[in-house]
Amino acid sequence: MRKAVAVPYVIALILGVAVIALIGIWFVMAGGKFSKSSAELECKKAIAIACVKSIGVPGDVTPDTTDQTKCNDVGVPVPRTTADCKTQGYIS
């Protein structure tokens, strides 16, 4: 006669692994969203890219509107002209 496996233990093991997997996925998906510094760095990177693209192009610097929203959330001023990019240190 074969030994029977306790069904409640198998169910508990499956649920435990599922809960641990969901918590792990949540941490991976939310990584970096809890710190202001990472949002600030992301904002400054987007501004630097827009400033570099604006070199030699007449007109204002136009970062994406989503970048402007992110920057306003973390308190980083968005440059409007190439001269602003220079004074804020994004380009030399």
Protein backbone atom coordinates (compact mmCIF):
# COMPACT_ATOMS: atom_id res chain seq x y z
CA MET A 1 0.00 0.00 0.00
CA ARG A 2 1.30 3.49 -0.93
CA LYS A 3 1.57 6.25 1.63
CA ALA A 4 -0.89 9.08 1.12
CA VAL A 5 0.30 12.68 0.95
CA ALA A 6 -1.58 15.03 3.17
CA VAL A 7 -3.63 17.23 0.84
CA PRO A 8 -3.75 20.27 3.17
CA TYR A 9 0.06 20.39 3.27
CA VAL A 10 0.29 20.35 -0.51
CA ILE A 11 -2.31 23.12 -0.79
CA ALA A 12 -0.49 25.19 1.86
CA LEU A 13 2.81 24.71 0.03
CA ILE A 14 1.32 25.83 -3.30
CA LEU A 15 -0.32 28.89 -1.73
CA GLY A 16 2.89 29.80 0.10
CA VAL A 17 4.96 29.66 -3.07
CA ALA A 18 2.34 31.74 -4.92
CA VAL A 19 2.31 34.42 -2.22
CA ILE A 20 6.11 34.62 -2.15
CA ALA A 21 6.19 34.86 -5.96
CA LEU A 22 3.60 37.67 -5.98
CA ILE A 23 5.51 39.63 -3.34
CA GLY A 24 8.72 39.18 -5.33
CA ILE A 25 7.07 40.38 -8.52
CA TRP A 26 5.66 43.39 -6.68
CA PHE A 27 9.12 44.35 -5.39
CA VAL A 28 10.62 44.05 -8.87
CA MET A 29 7.86 46.12 -10.47
CA ALA A 30 7.99 48.80 -7.77
CA GLY A 31 11.78 48.97 -7.64
CA GLY A 32 13.04 52.52 -7.46
CA LYS A 33 9.60 54.12 -7.32
CA PHE A 34 9.79 54.67 -3.59
CA SER A 35 12.81 56.96 -3.57
CA LYS A 36 12.73 60.57 -4.59
CA SER A 37 16.36 60.45 -5.67
CA SER A 38 15.74 57.96 -8.48
CA ALA A 39 12.86 60.06 -9.81
CA GLU A 40 15.08 63.12 -9.62
CA LEU A 41 17.87 61.38 -11.53
CA GLU A 42 15.40 60.20 -14.16
CA CYS A 43 14.13 63.75 -14.55
CA LYS A 44 17.62 65.23 -14.85
CA LYS A 45 18.58 62.59 -17.41
CA ALA A 46 15.55 63.48 -19.55
CA ILE A 47 16.39 67.18 -19.31
CA ALA A 48 20.02 66.54 -20.23
CA ILE A 49 18.95 64.62 -23.33
CA ALA A 50 16.58 67.44 -24.35
CA CYS A 51 19.31 70.03 -23.76
CA VAL A 52 21.84 68.14 -25.87
CA LYS A 53 19.28 67.81 -28.68
CA SER A 54 18.65 71.57 -28.51
CA ILE A 55 22.28 72.53 -29.22
CA GLY A 56 22.43 74.43 -32.47
CA VAL A 57 18.67 74.31 -32.94
CA PRO A 58 16.93 77.69 -32.78
CA GLY A 59 14.02 77.90 -30.39
CA ASP A 60 13.20 76.67 -26.97
CA VAL A 61 14.13 73.43 -25.26
CA THR A 62 11.13 71.14 -25.27
CA PRO A 63 11.36 68.12 -22.97
CA ASP A 64 8.38 65.79 -23.10
CA THR A 65 5.34 66.87 -21.10
CA THR A 66 5.61 63.67 -19.05
CA ASP A 67 9.18 64.64 -18.16
CA GLN A 68 7.99 68.09 -17.11
CA THR A 69 5.36 66.52 -14.85
CA LYS A 70 7.94 64.21 -13.26
CA CYS A 71 10.31 67.12 -12.77
CA ASN A 72 7.64 69.26 -11.16
CA ASP A 73 6.84 66.39 -8.77
CA VAL A 74 10.43 66.26 -7.50
CA GLY A 75 11.04 70.01 -7.65
CA VAL A 76 13.59 70.14 -10.50
CA PRO A 77 13.28 73.28 -12.64
CA VAL A 78 12.88 72.53 -16.35
CA PRO A 79 14.99 74.78 -18.60
CA ARG A 80 13.11 76.63 -21.31
CA THR A 81 16.03 77.76 -23.50
CA THR A 82 19.51 76.57 -24.40
CA ALA A 83 20.89 79.36 -22.22
CA ASP A 84 18.95 77.92 -19.27
CA CYS A 85 20.50 74.53 -20.04
CA LYS A 86 23.93 76.12 -19.80
CA THR A 87 23.25 77.98 -16.56
CA GLN A 88 21.77 74.85 -14.94
CA GLY A 89 24.83 72.84 -16.00
CA TYR A 90 23.26 70.36 -18.42
CA ILE A 91 25.49 71.47 -21.29
CA SER A 92 28.70 73.50 -21.42
